[in-house]
Amino acid sequence: MNVTLFSEATKAQTGCSRYWTSGYRWVGMTNWVWRIKRAEGHIPAVDLEMSYTNWKSGQPDNDNIVAMAMFESDDCKWNDWPVQMAYCGVCELDFS
C-alpha cells in the first residue's frame, strides 16, 4: 500500500520522497491513532485506533514525537518524526 502511494506520487510529479500521514499520538501516550477528517468541514475529525502498522524497525522510538512520516528511503515504512519538518502530506477523507 505505501509503495503504491509513492508510485502514484511519482506519477503526479510531486517531487516528494517524504510524506506526513494522518497518524499521530498525544505526548506521553503510547497508542498511535489515525486522525480522520470528514469531507464536510463542519463535522469534527475523529481518531481511529490502528488495526494495521508498518513501522520501520526500531520505530516508534521517541516518546516526545507525536507525528508519523513515511520515507521512500525506508521502503515506505513509518517513522515517528518531529513536526517541524516540511514534507508533503497524504491524507484520507471519508466521503461516505
Protein backbone atom coordinates (compact mmCIF):
# COMPACT_ATOMS: atom_id res chain seq x y z
CA MET A 1 0.00 0.00 0.00
CA ASN A 2 2.69 2.52 0.95
CA VAL A 3 4.80 1.62 -2.09
CA THR A 4 1.75 2.26 -4.28
CA LEU A 5 1.41 5.70 -2.68
CA PHE A 6 4.95 6.62 -3.68
CA SER A 7 4.42 5.23 -7.16
CA GLU A 8 1.31 7.37 -7.63
CA ALA A 9 3.02 10.44 -6.17
CA THR A 10 5.87 9.99 -8.63
CA LYS A 11 3.39 9.83 -11.50
CA ALA A 12 1.84 13.06 -10.21
CA GLN A 13 5.33 14.61 -10.16
CA THR A 14 5.06 15.86 -6.59
CA GLY A 15 8.84 15.79 -6.16
CA CYS A 16 8.36 14.35 -2.69
CA SER A 17 10.11 11.39 -1.13
CA ARG A 18 8.90 12.04 2.42
CA TYR A 19 5.28 12.33 3.46
CA TRP A 20 3.31 13.14 6.58
CA THR A 21 0.48 10.73 7.31
CA SER A 22 -2.59 11.26 9.47
CA GLY A 23 -1.07 9.03 12.16
CA TYR A 24 -0.29 10.72 15.47
CA ARG A 25 -0.36 10.38 19.23
CA TRP A 26 -0.50 12.78 22.15
CA VAL A 27 2.74 13.37 24.07
CA GLY A 28 3.07 10.77 26.81
CA MET A 29 0.60 8.36 25.22
CA THR A 30 1.64 5.01 23.78
CA ASN A 31 -1.21 4.41 21.33
CA TRP A 32 -0.97 5.82 17.82
CA VAL A 33 -4.21 6.68 16.02
CA TRP A 34 -5.39 7.83 12.61
CA ARG A 35 -6.90 11.32 12.51
CA ILE A 36 -9.87 11.05 10.15
CA LYS A 37 -11.45 14.24 8.86
CA ARG A 38 -14.75 14.04 7.03
CA ALA A 39 -15.10 15.89 3.74
CA GLU A 40 -17.75 18.12 5.28
CA GLY A 41 -15.78 20.78 7.15
CA HIS A 42 -18.39 21.22 9.88
CA ILE A 43 -18.12 17.61 11.12
CA PRO A 44 -15.34 17.18 13.72
CA ALA A 45 -12.41 14.89 13.00
CA VAL A 46 -12.29 11.55 14.77
CA ASP A 47 -9.41 9.38 15.94
CA LEU A 48 -9.40 5.71 14.94
CA GLU A 49 -7.22 3.06 16.53
CA MET A 50 -4.70 1.49 14.16
CA SER A 51 -5.51 -2.08 13.22
CA TYR A 52 -2.53 -2.25 10.85
CA THR A 53 1.01 -0.97 11.38
CA ASN A 54 4.04 -0.68 9.12
CA TRP A 55 6.73 0.79 11.38
CA LYS A 56 10.37 0.84 10.36
CA SER A 57 12.40 -1.48 12.60
CA GLY A 58 13.02 0.24 15.95
CA GLN A 59 10.20 2.73 15.45
CA PRO A 60 8.49 4.46 17.10
CA ASP A 61 11.48 5.35 19.25
CA ASN A 62 10.80 8.74 20.83
CA ASP A 63 8.13 9.43 23.46
CA ASN A 64 8.19 13.15 22.64
CA ILE A 65 7.43 12.75 18.93
CA VAL A 66 3.76 12.90 18.04
CA ALA A 67 3.71 12.75 14.22
CA MET A 68 4.12 9.92 11.74
CA ALA A 69 6.00 10.17 8.44
CA MET A 70 6.81 7.78 5.59
CA PHE A 71 10.13 7.93 3.78
CA GLU A 72 10.79 6.39 0.39
CA SER A 73 14.38 5.69 1.50
CA ASP A 74 12.98 3.47 4.29
CA ASP A 75 10.91 1.35 1.91
CA CYS A 76 7.88 3.43 2.85
CA LYS A 77 7.96 2.22 6.46
CA TRP A 78 6.61 4.54 9.15
CA ASN A 79 8.77 6.71 11.40
CA ASP A 80 7.91 8.94 14.33
CA TRP A 81 9.29 12.31 13.32
CA PRO A 82 9.43 15.94 14.55
CA VAL A 83 6.56 18.03 13.22
CA GLN A 84 8.88 20.95 12.50
CA MET A 85 9.96 19.32 9.22
CA ALA A 86 8.28 20.35 5.95
CA TYR A 87 7.12 17.35 3.90
CA CYS A 88 4.30 16.65 1.52
CA GLY A 89 1.16 15.30 3.11
CA VAL A 90 -1.02 12.34 2.39
CA CYS A 91 -4.44 12.05 3.93
CA GLU A 92 -7.65 10.10 3.62
CA LEU A 93 -11.03 11.74 3.50
CA ASP A 94 -14.23 9.88 4.29
CA PHE A 95 -16.79 10.84 1.65
CA SER A 96 -19.48 8.48 2.90
